[in-house]
Amino acid sequence: MKQLVSTIVLISRVATGAAFLVLMGAVLIQVYARSLLSSSPVWTEELTRFALLYLAAFGAGLSFRSGDLVNVDIVSEKLPGPWPKRLRFVGAAATAILCGFLVEPAWKYTSIGAMQTSPALGWRMDFIHASLLVLILSLLVFSAARAISILTGASDGLPQNRFEELPR
C-alpha cells in the first residue's frame, strides 16, 4: 500500500506542478500582451481558469496528506490518551466516506460536459469538469490511506511531513 500511495503522491505532485506551469505561462502571456500589445488573447483567461481548477484538484489530496487543509484540531489534540488519534481516524474516515458518496455525482457532472465546449478554446468541457472528479478521488485516496494506516497501526494519523520523501 505504501508503494501505491507513494506513486499517487508522485503523480499528484507532477500534475500539480504541470498545472502551475500552465497557469504561469498563461498569465505571462496575458501580462506580456497587455503591456506590449494592444490586447491579450482571449483564450489565456480561459486557460488560466482551467489550470487553476486542476491545480486545486491535484493539490487537494496532497494538502490533506500534509495537513495544509483547514483542520479544527485545537480541542481534539488537547484531549487525553488515545482520543486525538480516534478523532483523526473519524475525520479521515468521514472524509473518505463523503468523497465515496460524491464520486457518482461528480462522474455525472463530468459526463454532462461532453455536450459542451469552452467558448474561447473550443475544448470539450468534460475534460474541464473532470477536475472535480480528480479532486474528489484525490481526497478519497488520501483520506482512506490515512484511515487505513491508523487502523493498521502504521500511523498515528498525524499529517505526513511533506519533505520526508525528498532526497537529502
N, C-alpha and C. Protein backbone atom coordinates (compact mmCIF):
# COMPACT_ATOMS: atom_id res chain seq x y z
N MET A 1 0.83 -1.19 0.00
CA MET A 1 0.00 0.00 0.00
C MET A 1 0.88 1.26 0.00
N LYS A 2 2.02 1.18 0.71
CA LYS A 2 2.91 2.34 0.74
C LYS A 2 3.38 2.70 -0.66
N GLN A 3 3.67 1.68 -1.46
CA GLN A 3 4.15 1.93 -2.83
C GLN A 3 3.06 2.60 -3.66
N LEU A 4 1.82 2.14 -3.51
CA LEU A 4 0.70 2.73 -4.25
C LEU A 4 0.52 4.20 -3.86
N VAL A 5 0.53 4.48 -2.56
CA VAL A 5 0.36 5.86 -2.10
C VAL A 5 1.53 6.72 -2.57
N SER A 6 2.74 6.18 -2.52
CA SER A 6 3.90 6.94 -3.00
C SER A 6 3.79 7.27 -4.48
N THR A 7 3.28 6.32 -5.26
CA THR A 7 3.08 6.55 -6.69
C THR A 7 2.03 7.63 -6.92
N ILE A 8 0.94 7.57 -6.16
CA ILE A 8 -0.12 8.57 -6.29
C ILE A 8 0.39 9.95 -5.85
N VAL A 9 1.21 9.99 -4.82
CA VAL A 9 1.81 11.25 -4.37
C VAL A 9 2.67 11.83 -5.49
N LEU A 10 3.49 10.99 -6.11
CA LEU A 10 4.36 11.46 -7.19
C LEU A 10 3.54 11.99 -8.37
N ILE A 11 2.51 11.23 -8.77
CA ILE A 11 1.64 11.67 -9.87
C ILE A 11 0.97 12.99 -9.52
N SER A 12 0.48 13.11 -8.30
CA SER A 12 -0.19 14.34 -7.87
C SER A 12 0.77 15.52 -7.86
N ARG A 13 1.99 15.29 -7.41
CA ARG A 13 2.97 16.39 -7.39
C ARG A 13 3.33 16.84 -8.80
N VAL A 14 3.55 15.88 -9.69
CA VAL A 14 3.89 16.22 -11.07
C VAL A 14 2.72 16.95 -11.74
N ALA A 15 1.51 16.45 -11.55
CA ALA A 15 0.34 17.08 -12.16
C ALA A 15 0.09 18.47 -11.57
N THR A 16 0.30 18.64 -10.27
CA THR A 16 0.15 19.96 -9.66
C THR A 16 1.18 20.92 -10.24
N GLY A 17 2.41 20.44 -10.38
CA GLY A 17 3.46 21.28 -10.97
C GLY A 17 3.16 21.64 -12.41
N ALA A 18 2.65 20.67 -13.18
CA ALA A 18 2.31 20.93 -14.59
C ALA A 18 1.19 21.96 -14.69
N ALA A 19 0.17 21.82 -13.84
CA ALA A 19 -0.94 22.79 -13.85
C ALA A 19 -0.42 24.18 -13.47
N PHE A 20 0.50 24.23 -12.52
CA PHE A 20 1.07 25.52 -12.12
C PHE A 20 1.89 26.13 -13.25
N LEU A 21 2.64 25.31 -13.97
CA LEU A 21 3.41 25.82 -15.10
C LEU A 21 2.50 26.37 -16.19
N VAL A 22 1.41 25.67 -16.48
CA VAL A 22 0.45 26.16 -17.47
C VAL A 22 -0.16 27.47 -17.00
N LEU A 23 -0.51 27.53 -15.73
CA LEU A 23 -1.07 28.76 -15.16
C LEU A 23 -0.08 29.91 -15.29
N MET A 24 1.18 29.67 -14.93
CA MET A 24 2.19 30.73 -15.04
C MET A 24 2.39 31.15 -16.49
N GLY A 25 2.42 30.19 -17.40
CA GLY A 25 2.60 30.52 -18.81
C GLY A 25 1.47 31.37 -19.35
N ALA A 26 0.24 31.00 -19.02
CA ALA A 26 -0.91 31.77 -19.49
C ALA A 26 -0.91 33.18 -18.92
N VAL A 27 -0.57 33.31 -17.65
CA VAL A 27 -0.54 34.64 -17.03
C VAL A 27 0.59 35.48 -17.63
N LEU A 28 1.74 34.87 -17.89
CA LEU A 28 2.84 35.61 -18.52
C LEU A 28 2.45 36.12 -19.90
N ILE A 29 1.76 35.28 -20.66
CA ILE A 29 1.28 35.71 -21.98
C ILE A 29 0.31 36.87 -21.83
N GLN A 30 -0.59 36.79 -20.85
CA GLN A 30 -1.54 37.88 -20.61
C GLN A 30 -0.81 39.17 -20.27
N VAL A 31 0.14 39.10 -19.35
CA VAL A 31 0.86 40.30 -18.93
C VAL A 31 1.66 40.88 -20.09
N TYR A 32 2.35 40.04 -20.82
CA TYR A 32 3.13 40.49 -21.97
C TYR A 32 2.23 41.17 -23.00
N ALA A 33 1.12 40.49 -23.34
CA ALA A 33 0.23 41.02 -24.38
C ALA A 33 -0.44 42.32 -23.93
N ARG A 34 -0.82 42.41 -22.68
CA ARG A 34 -1.47 43.64 -22.20
C ARG A 34 -0.48 44.79 -22.07
N SER A 35 0.76 44.45 -21.82
CA SER A 35 1.77 45.50 -21.65
C SER A 35 2.34 46.00 -22.98
N LEU A 36 2.59 45.08 -23.90
CA LEU A 36 3.30 45.44 -25.12
C LEU A 36 2.44 45.41 -26.38
N LEU A 37 1.32 44.77 -26.31
CA LEU A 37 0.42 44.71 -27.47
C LEU A 37 -0.86 45.46 -27.14
N SER A 38 -1.74 45.52 -28.08
CA SER A 38 -2.99 46.26 -27.84
C SER A 38 -3.95 45.50 -26.93
N SER A 39 -3.95 44.16 -27.01
CA SER A 39 -4.82 43.36 -26.13
C SER A 39 -4.24 41.96 -26.02
N SER A 40 -4.70 41.26 -24.99
CA SER A 40 -4.22 39.89 -24.80
C SER A 40 -5.18 38.90 -25.45
N PRO A 41 -4.68 37.72 -25.81
CA PRO A 41 -5.56 36.72 -26.41
C PRO A 41 -6.65 36.29 -25.43
N VAL A 42 -7.85 36.12 -25.94
CA VAL A 42 -8.99 35.75 -25.10
C VAL A 42 -8.78 34.38 -24.45
N TRP A 43 -8.15 33.48 -25.15
CA TRP A 43 -8.00 32.12 -24.65
C TRP A 43 -7.15 32.04 -23.39
N THR A 44 -6.33 33.05 -23.11
CA THR A 44 -5.49 32.99 -21.91
C THR A 44 -6.32 33.06 -20.63
N GLU A 45 -7.41 33.81 -20.66
CA GLU A 45 -8.29 33.89 -19.49
C GLU A 45 -8.88 32.52 -19.18
N GLU A 46 -9.35 31.86 -20.21
CA GLU A 46 -9.96 30.55 -20.05
C GLU A 46 -8.94 29.52 -19.59
N LEU A 47 -7.78 29.53 -20.21
CA LEU A 47 -6.74 28.57 -19.84
C LEU A 47 -6.29 28.77 -18.40
N THR A 48 -6.24 30.01 -17.96
CA THR A 48 -5.88 30.30 -16.57
C THR A 48 -6.89 29.68 -15.62
N ARG A 49 -8.16 29.84 -15.91
CA ARG A 49 -9.21 29.24 -15.06
C ARG A 49 -9.09 27.72 -15.02
N PHE A 50 -8.89 27.11 -16.19
CA PHE A 50 -8.81 25.66 -16.26
C PHE A 50 -7.59 25.14 -15.51
N ALA A 51 -6.47 25.83 -15.66
CA ALA A 51 -5.24 25.41 -14.96
C ALA A 51 -5.43 25.54 -13.45
N LEU A 52 -6.11 26.59 -13.01
CA LEU A 52 -6.36 26.78 -11.59
C LEU A 52 -7.25 25.66 -11.03
N LEU A 53 -8.24 25.24 -11.81
CA LEU A 53 -9.10 24.14 -11.38
C LEU A 53 -8.28 22.86 -11.17
N TYR A 54 -7.40 22.55 -12.12
CA TYR A 54 -6.59 21.34 -11.99
C TYR A 54 -5.52 21.48 -10.92
N LEU A 55 -5.02 22.67 -10.72
CA LEU A 55 -4.06 22.91 -9.65
C LEU A 55 -4.70 22.58 -8.30
N ALA A 56 -5.92 23.06 -8.10
CA ALA A 56 -6.63 22.76 -6.86
C ALA A 56 -7.01 21.28 -6.77
N ALA A 57 -7.40 20.69 -7.89
CA ALA A 57 -7.82 19.29 -7.88
C ALA A 57 -6.68 18.36 -7.48
N PHE A 58 -5.53 18.52 -8.09
CA PHE A 58 -4.41 17.64 -7.77
C PHE A 58 -3.76 18.01 -6.44
N GLY A 59 -3.87 19.27 -6.04
CA GLY A 59 -3.26 19.69 -4.80
C GLY A 59 -4.08 19.38 -3.56
N ALA A 60 -5.37 19.14 -3.70
CA ALA A 60 -6.23 18.92 -2.53
C ALA A 60 -5.82 17.69 -1.74
N GLY A 61 -5.59 16.59 -2.42
CA GLY A 61 -5.18 15.37 -1.72
C GLY A 61 -3.83 15.52 -1.05
N LEU A 62 -2.91 16.18 -1.75
CA LEU A 62 -1.59 16.43 -1.15
C LEU A 62 -1.72 17.33 0.08
N SER A 63 -2.62 18.30 0.01
CA SER A 63 -2.84 19.20 1.14
C SER A 63 -3.44 18.45 2.32
N PHE A 64 -4.34 17.53 2.04
CA PHE A 64 -4.91 16.70 3.11
C PHE A 64 -3.80 15.88 3.76
N ARG A 65 -2.96 15.30 2.94
CA ARG A 65 -1.88 14.44 3.43
C ARG A 65 -0.89 15.21 4.29
N SER A 66 -0.57 16.44 3.89
CA SER A 66 0.44 17.22 4.61
C SER A 66 -0.14 18.05 5.75
N GLY A 67 -1.47 18.08 5.87
CA GLY A 67 -2.10 18.86 6.93
C GLY A 67 -2.28 20.32 6.59
N ASP A 68 -2.14 20.66 5.32
CA ASP A 68 -2.29 22.06 4.91
C ASP A 68 -3.73 22.47 4.67
N LEU A 69 -4.66 21.53 4.66
CA LEU A 69 -6.08 21.90 4.57
C LEU A 69 -6.53 22.40 5.93
N VAL A 70 -7.60 23.16 5.94
CA VAL A 70 -8.12 23.68 7.21
C VAL A 70 -8.51 22.51 8.09
N ASN A 71 -8.06 22.57 9.34
CA ASN A 71 -8.34 21.49 10.27
C ASN A 71 -8.60 22.12 11.64
N VAL A 72 -9.69 21.73 12.25
CA VAL A 72 -10.02 22.26 13.56
C VAL A 72 -9.58 21.22 14.59
N ASP A 73 -8.34 21.34 15.03
CA ASP A 73 -7.80 20.35 15.95
C ASP A 73 -7.36 20.94 17.28
N ILE A 74 -7.77 22.16 17.55
CA ILE A 74 -7.38 22.81 18.80
C ILE A 74 -7.89 22.02 19.99
N VAL A 75 -9.13 21.59 19.95
CA VAL A 75 -9.72 20.84 21.05
C VAL A 75 -9.28 19.38 21.01
N SER A 76 -9.36 18.76 19.85
CA SER A 76 -9.10 17.32 19.77
C SER A 76 -7.67 16.96 20.17
N GLU A 77 -6.70 17.79 19.84
CA GLU A 77 -5.31 17.47 20.16
C GLU A 77 -4.98 17.68 21.63
N LYS A 78 -5.86 18.35 22.37
CA LYS A 78 -5.65 18.56 23.81
C LYS A 78 -6.32 17.47 24.65
N LEU A 79 -7.07 16.59 24.00
CA LEU A 79 -7.74 15.52 24.74
C LEU A 79 -6.72 14.50 25.24
N PRO A 80 -7.05 13.81 26.31
CA PRO A 80 -6.10 12.86 26.88
C PRO A 80 -6.08 11.52 26.14
N GLY A 81 -4.98 10.81 26.30
CA GLY A 81 -4.85 9.43 25.83
C GLY A 81 -5.03 9.24 24.35
N PRO A 82 -5.81 8.22 23.99
CA PRO A 82 -5.97 7.87 22.58
C PRO A 82 -7.02 8.69 21.83
N TRP A 83 -7.66 9.63 22.51
CA TRP A 83 -8.75 10.37 21.87
C TRP A 83 -8.33 11.18 20.65
N PRO A 84 -7.21 11.85 20.66
CA PRO A 84 -6.82 12.58 19.44
C PRO A 84 -6.67 11.64 18.23
N LYS A 85 -6.06 10.49 18.46
CA LYS A 85 -5.90 9.52 17.36
C LYS A 85 -7.26 9.02 16.88
N ARG A 86 -8.16 8.75 17.79
CA ARG A 86 -9.51 8.30 17.42
C ARG A 86 -10.23 9.37 16.59
N LEU A 87 -10.12 10.62 17.01
CA LEU A 87 -10.79 11.70 16.28
C LEU A 87 -10.16 11.92 14.91
N ARG A 88 -8.84 11.74 14.81
CA ARG A 88 -8.19 11.83 13.50
C ARG A 88 -8.71 10.72 12.59
N PHE A 89 -8.92 9.53 13.16
CA PHE A 89 -9.48 8.43 12.37
C PHE A 89 -10.90 8.76 11.91
N VAL A 90 -11.72 9.26 12.82
CA VAL A 90 -13.11 9.62 12.46
C VAL A 90 -13.11 10.67 11.36
N GLY A 91 -12.24 11.66 11.47
CA GLY A 91 -12.17 12.70 10.45
C GLY A 91 -11.75 12.15 9.10
N ALA A 92 -10.72 11.29 9.09
CA ALA A 92 -10.26 10.71 7.83
C ALA A 92 -11.31 9.78 7.23
N ALA A 93 -11.92 8.96 8.08
CA ALA A 93 -12.95 8.04 7.60
C ALA A 93 -14.17 8.80 7.07
N ALA A 94 -14.59 9.83 7.79
CA ALA A 94 -15.74 10.63 7.34
C ALA A 94 -15.45 11.30 6.00
N THR A 95 -14.23 11.81 5.83
CA THR A 95 -13.84 12.43 4.57
C THR A 95 -13.88 11.40 3.45
N ALA A 96 -13.33 10.21 3.70
CA ALA A 96 -13.33 9.16 2.68
C ALA A 96 -14.76 8.73 2.32
N ILE A 97 -15.60 8.57 3.31
CA ILE A 97 -16.98 8.15 3.06
C ILE A 97 -17.73 9.23 2.26
N LEU A 98 -17.59 10.49 2.67
CA LEU A 98 -18.25 11.57 1.94
C LEU A 98 -17.77 11.62 0.50
N CYS A 99 -16.46 11.51 0.30
CA CYS A 99 -15.94 11.52 -1.07
C CYS A 99 -16.45 10.32 -1.86
N GLY A 100 -16.57 9.17 -1.19
CA GLY A 100 -17.12 7.99 -1.85
C GLY A 100 -18.54 8.23 -2.36
N PHE A 101 -19.33 8.92 -1.55
CA PHE A 101 -20.70 9.25 -1.97
C PHE A 101 -20.73 10.28 -3.11
N LEU A 102 -19.71 11.10 -3.19
CA LEU A 102 -19.68 12.17 -4.20
C LEU A 102 -19.10 11.74 -5.54
N VAL A 103 -18.53 10.55 -5.62
CA VAL A 103 -17.91 10.11 -6.88
C VAL A 103 -18.94 10.01 -7.99
N GLU A 104 -20.08 9.38 -7.72
CA GLU A 104 -21.09 9.23 -8.78
C GLU A 104 -21.65 10.57 -9.27
N PRO A 105 -22.05 11.48 -8.37
CA PRO A 105 -22.50 12.79 -8.88
C PRO A 105 -21.40 13.54 -9.64
N ALA A 106 -20.16 13.41 -9.20
CA ALA A 106 -19.06 14.07 -9.91
C ALA A 106 -18.89 13.47 -11.30
N TRP A 107 -19.08 12.15 -11.39
CA TRP A 107 -18.99 11.49 -12.70
C TRP A 107 -20.10 11.99 -13.62
N LYS A 108 -21.32 12.12 -13.10
CA LYS A 108 -22.43 12.65 -13.90
C LYS A 108 -22.15 14.07 -14.37
N TYR A 109 -21.65 14.90 -13.46
CA TYR A 109 -21.30 16.27 -13.80
C TYR A 109 -20.25 16.30 -14.89
N THR A 110 -19.26 15.43 -14.78
CA THR A 110 -18.21 15.36 -15.79
C THR A 110 -18.77 14.93 -17.14
N SER A 111 -19.63 13.92 -17.13
CA SER A 111 -20.17 13.41 -18.39
C SER A 111 -21.09 14.41 -19.09
N ILE A 112 -21.75 15.28 -18.34
CA ILE A 112 -22.59 16.31 -18.94
C ILE A 112 -21.75 17.25 -19.80
N GLY A 113 -20.50 17.46 -19.39
CA GLY A 113 -19.62 18.35 -20.12
C GLY A 113 -19.28 17.89 -21.52
N ALA A 114 -19.52 16.61 -21.85
CA ALA A 114 -19.24 16.11 -23.19
C ALA A 114 -20.10 16.80 -24.24
N MET A 115 -21.22 17.37 -23.81
CA MET A 115 -22.13 18.03 -24.74
C MET A 115 -21.84 19.52 -24.86
N GLN A 116 -20.78 20.00 -24.18
CA GLN A 116 -20.47 21.42 -24.16
C GLN A 116 -19.03 21.64 -24.58
N THR A 117 -18.76 22.83 -25.08
CA THR A 117 -17.38 23.22 -25.38
C THR A 117 -17.11 24.59 -24.76
N SER A 118 -15.85 24.81 -24.47
CA SER A 118 -15.48 26.11 -23.91
C SER A 118 -15.52 27.16 -25.02
N PRO A 119 -15.92 28.37 -24.70
CA PRO A 119 -16.11 29.38 -25.74
C PRO A 119 -14.82 29.80 -26.45
N ALA A 120 -13.75 30.02 -25.72
CA ALA A 120 -12.54 30.56 -26.35
C ALA A 120 -11.63 29.48 -26.92
N LEU A 121 -11.44 28.41 -26.18
CA LEU A 121 -10.52 27.36 -26.61
C LEU A 121 -11.21 26.28 -27.44
N GLY A 122 -12.51 26.14 -27.28
CA GLY A 122 -13.25 25.12 -28.01
C GLY A 122 -13.03 23.71 -27.48
N TRP A 123 -12.53 23.60 -26.25
CA TRP A 123 -12.28 22.29 -25.65
C TRP A 123 -13.58 21.70 -25.13
N ARG A 124 -13.68 20.38 -25.17
CA ARG A 124 -14.83 19.71 -24.56
C ARG A 124 -14.79 19.94 -23.06
N MET A 125 -15.93 20.31 -22.51
CA MET A 125 -15.97 20.67 -21.10
C MET A 125 -15.90 19.46 -20.17
N ASP A 126 -16.10 18.25 -20.67
CA ASP A 126 -15.94 17.10 -19.78
C ASP A 126 -14.50 16.98 -19.31
N PHE A 127 -13.54 17.41 -20.13
CA PHE A 127 -12.14 17.40 -19.70
C PHE A 127 -11.91 18.42 -18.59
N ILE A 128 -12.64 19.49 -18.63
CA ILE A 128 -12.51 20.52 -17.60
C ILE A 128 -13.30 20.12 -16.35
N HIS A 129 -14.51 19.62 -16.55
CA HIS A 129 -15.33 19.18 -15.43
C HIS A 129 -14.69 18.02 -14.68
N ALA A 130 -13.83 17.28 -15.36
CA ALA A 130 -13.15 16.15 -14.72
C ALA A 130 -12.26 16.60 -13.57
N SER A 131 -11.94 17.88 -13.51
CA SER A 131 -11.13 18.38 -12.39
C SER A 131 -11.84 18.16 -11.06
N LEU A 132 -13.16 18.27 -11.04
CA LEU A 132 -13.92 18.00 -9.83
C LEU A 132 -13.82 16.53 -9.45
N LEU A 133 -13.90 15.66 -10.42
CA LEU A 133 -13.76 14.23 -10.17
C LEU A 133 -12.36 13.91 -9.64
N VAL A 134 -11.35 14.54 -10.23
CA VAL A 134 -9.97 14.35 -9.77
C VAL A 134 -9.84 14.81 -8.32
N LEU A 135 -10.41 15.95 -7.98
CA LEU A 135 -10.34 16.46 -6.61
C LEU A 135 -10.97 15.48 -5.63
N ILE A 136 -12.14 15.00 -5.94
CA ILE A 136 -12.85 14.08 -5.04
C ILE A 136 -12.09 12.76 -4.91
N LEU A 137 -11.60 12.24 -6.02
CA LEU A 137 -10.84 10.98 -5.96
C LEU A 137 -9.53 11.16 -5.20
N SER A 138 -8.90 12.30 -5.37
CA SER A 138 -7.66 12.58 -4.66
C SER A 138 -7.90 12.61 -3.15
N LEU A 139 -8.93 13.33 -2.74
CA LEU A 139 -9.26 13.37 -1.31
C LEU A 139 -9.67 11.99 -0.80
N LEU A 140 -10.40 11.24 -1.61
CA LEU A 140 -10.82 9.89 -1.23
C LEU A 140 -9.61 9.00 -0.98
N VAL A 141 -8.67 9.01 -1.90
CA VAL A 141 -7.49 8.14 -1.78
C VAL A 141 -6.66 8.51 -0.55
N PHE A 142 -6.38 9.80 -0.37
CA PHE A 142 -5.51 10.19 0.74
C PHE A 142 -6.20 10.08 2.09
N SER A 143 -7.49 10.33 2.15
CA SER A 143 -8.19 10.17 3.44
C SER A 143 -8.36 8.69 3.78
N ALA A 144 -8.65 7.86 2.77
CA ALA A 144 -8.76 6.42 3.02
C ALA A 144 -7.40 5.85 3.44
N ALA A 145 -6.34 6.32 2.81
CA ALA A 145 -5.00 5.84 3.18
C ALA A 145 -4.68 6.21 4.63
N ARG A 146 -5.07 7.42 5.04
CA ARG A 146 -4.82 7.81 6.43
C ARG A 146 -5.65 6.95 7.39
N ALA A 147 -6.93 6.74 7.06
CA ALA A 147 -7.79 5.93 7.94
C ALA A 147 -7.26 4.50 8.04
N ILE A 148 -6.84 3.93 6.93
CA ILE A 148 -6.31 2.56 6.94
C ILE A 148 -5.01 2.49 7.73
N SER A 149 -4.16 3.49 7.57
CA SER A 149 -2.89 3.48 8.30
C SER A 149 -3.11 3.61 9.81
N ILE A 150 -4.16 4.32 10.21
CA ILE A 150 -4.49 4.41 11.63
C ILE A 150 -5.01 3.07 12.12
N LEU A 151 -5.90 2.44 11.35
CA LEU A 151 -6.47 1.15 11.75
C LEU A 151 -5.41 0.07 11.87
N THR A 152 -4.46 0.06 10.96
CA THR A 152 -3.43 -0.97 10.97
C THR A 152 -2.31 -0.68 11.96
N GLY A 153 -2.32 0.51 12.53
CA GLY A 153 -1.29 0.88 13.49
C GLY A 153 -0.01 1.39 12.84
N ALA A 154 -0.04 1.58 11.53
CA ALA A 154 1.15 2.06 10.82
C ALA A 154 1.37 3.55 11.05
N SER A 155 0.34 4.26 11.51
CA SER A 155 0.45 5.70 11.69
C SER A 155 -0.44 6.12 12.85
N ASP A 156 -0.10 7.26 13.43
CA ASP A 156 -0.96 7.82 14.47
C ASP A 156 -1.99 8.77 13.89
N GLY A 157 -1.96 8.95 12.56
CA GLY A 157 -2.94 9.79 11.88
C GLY A 157 -2.55 11.23 11.74
N LEU A 158 -1.39 11.59 12.28
CA LEU A 158 -0.93 12.97 12.09
C LEU A 158 -0.55 13.18 10.64
N PRO A 159 -0.71 14.39 10.12
CA PRO A 159 -0.35 14.66 8.73
C PRO A 159 1.10 14.30 8.44
N GLN A 160 1.35 13.87 7.21
CA GLN A 160 2.69 13.49 6.79
C GLN A 160 3.51 14.74 6.54
N ASN A 161 4.77 14.69 6.91
CA ASN A 161 5.68 15.79 6.60
C ASN A 161 5.91 15.79 5.10
N ARG A 162 5.62 16.89 4.45
CA ARG A 162 5.71 16.93 3.00
C ARG A 162 7.13 16.83 2.49
N PHE A 163 8.14 16.98 3.36
CA PHE A 163 9.53 16.93 2.93
C PHE A 163 10.19 15.59 3.28
N GLU A 164 9.46 14.68 3.89
CA GLU A 164 10.08 13.45 4.36
C GLU A 164 10.55 12.54 3.23
N GLU A 165 9.94 12.64 2.06
CA GLU A 165 10.29 11.73 0.97
C GLU A 165 11.31 12.33 0.03
N LEU A 166 11.67 13.58 0.22
CA LEU A 166 12.62 14.21 -0.68
C LEU A 166 14.03 13.72 -0.36
N PRO A 167 14.84 13.49 -1.40
CA PRO A 167 16.21 13.05 -1.14
C PRO A 167 17.00 14.15 -0.43
N ARG A 168 17.88 13.74 0.42
CA ARG A 168 18.68 14.71 1.20
C ARG A 168 20.06 14.81 0.62
